[in-house]
Amino acid sequence: MTTVVFPDADTRILLTAREDIRIARRAGELSDGGAESIASRDSRDSAVVEFMTAAPGVTVVDSSDISFEQTVDVVVGLATGGTA
């Protein structure tokens, strides 16, 4: 999104988390526990673009070890001119 749809945005963020964390977060949402869905989506997406590597000018926010609320605080801080 940051390189194709919004390349000129003032704030560009790559929000990520380790695969095991993303699977655990989705476990309650999907009947297969989320693992196959996430692995399949990652595989499809990586065929198009290296989505886990931030383009120049994009700030990476890794939410693996922080709460949802902390993640929101970091993103809002970045969007309003603060720092991660």
Protein backbone atom coordinates (compact mmCIF):
# COMPACT_ATOMS: atom_id res chain seq x y z
CA MET A 1 0.00 0.00 0.00
CA THR A 2 2.75 2.46 0.90
CA THR A 3 4.64 2.08 -2.37
CA VAL A 4 1.76 1.74 -4.83
CA VAL A 5 -1.42 3.30 -3.44
CA PHE A 6 0.01 5.99 -1.13
CA PRO A 7 3.60 6.61 -2.26
CA ASP A 8 3.44 10.32 -1.40
CA ALA A 9 1.77 10.00 2.01
CA ASP A 10 3.33 12.05 4.79
CA THR A 11 3.50 9.00 7.04
CA ARG A 12 4.10 5.54 5.64
CA ILE A 13 4.12 2.56 8.01
CA LEU A 14 4.75 -1.14 7.55
CA LEU A 15 2.88 -2.78 10.42
CA THR A 16 4.18 -6.27 10.93
CA ALA A 17 4.53 -9.09 13.42
CA ARG A 18 6.32 -12.42 13.43
CA GLU A 19 4.41 -15.18 11.64
CA ASP A 20 3.87 -17.20 14.84
CA ILE A 21 2.34 -14.14 16.50
CA ARG A 22 0.06 -13.42 13.53
CA ILE A 23 -1.08 -17.05 13.52
CA ALA A 24 -1.81 -16.97 17.25
CA ARG A 25 -3.79 -13.74 16.87
CA ARG A 26 -5.91 -15.22 14.11
CA ALA A 27 -6.41 -18.60 15.83
CA GLY A 28 -9.74 -17.64 17.34
CA GLU A 29 -11.02 -16.08 14.13
CA LEU A 30 -10.59 -18.96 11.69
CA SER A 31 -11.69 -22.58 11.81
CA ASP A 32 -8.22 -23.85 10.79
CA GLY A 33 -6.53 -21.83 13.51
CA GLY A 34 -5.26 -19.34 10.98
CA ALA A 35 -1.93 -21.00 10.22
CA GLU A 36 -2.78 -22.22 6.73
CA SER A 37 -4.56 -19.00 5.82
CA ILE A 38 -1.69 -16.77 6.91
CA ALA A 39 1.01 -18.96 5.36
CA SER A 40 -0.96 -19.13 2.10
CA ARG A 41 -1.58 -15.37 2.04
CA ASP A 42 2.07 -14.64 2.79
CA SER A 43 3.13 -16.93 -0.04
CA ARG A 44 0.75 -15.31 -2.53
CA ASP A 45 1.70 -11.79 -1.45
CA SER A 46 5.44 -12.44 -1.61
CA ALA A 47 5.07 -13.59 -5.23
CA VAL A 48 3.94 -10.06 -6.08
CA VAL A 49 6.07 -7.91 -3.79
CA GLU A 50 8.55 -8.31 -0.95
CA PHE A 51 5.92 -7.16 1.52
CA MET A 52 7.94 -7.76 4.68
CA THR A 53 10.72 -5.41 3.57
CA ALA A 54 10.01 -1.72 4.01
CA ALA A 55 10.61 0.56 1.06
CA PRO A 56 12.78 3.64 1.60
CA GLY A 57 10.95 6.18 3.75
CA VAL A 58 8.63 3.61 5.34
CA THR A 59 8.74 3.16 9.11
CA VAL A 60 8.50 -0.43 10.34
CA VAL A 61 6.34 -1.04 13.39
CA ASP A 62 6.74 -4.59 14.68
CA SER A 63 3.79 -5.36 16.94
CA SER A 64 5.00 -8.85 17.88
CA ASP A 65 5.81 -7.99 21.47
CA ILE A 66 3.48 -5.07 22.18
CA SER A 67 -0.24 -4.92 22.89
CA PHE A 68 -2.90 -3.66 20.53
CA GLU A 69 -3.17 -0.45 22.55
CA GLN A 70 0.59 0.09 22.41
CA THR A 71 0.54 -0.53 18.66
CA VAL A 72 -2.18 2.08 18.22
CA ASP A 73 -0.20 4.54 20.34
CA VAL A 74 2.93 4.02 18.19
CA VAL A 75 1.02 4.42 14.90
CA VAL A 76 -0.87 7.50 16.11
CA GLY A 77 2.39 8.98 17.37
CA LEU A 78 4.02 8.49 14.00
CA ALA A 79 1.01 9.90 12.16
CA THR A 80 0.93 13.00 14.32
CA GLY A 81 4.61 13.75 14.03
CA GLY A 82 5.95 11.79 16.98
CA THR A 83 8.35 8.88 16.90
CA ALA A 84 8.00 5.13 17.25
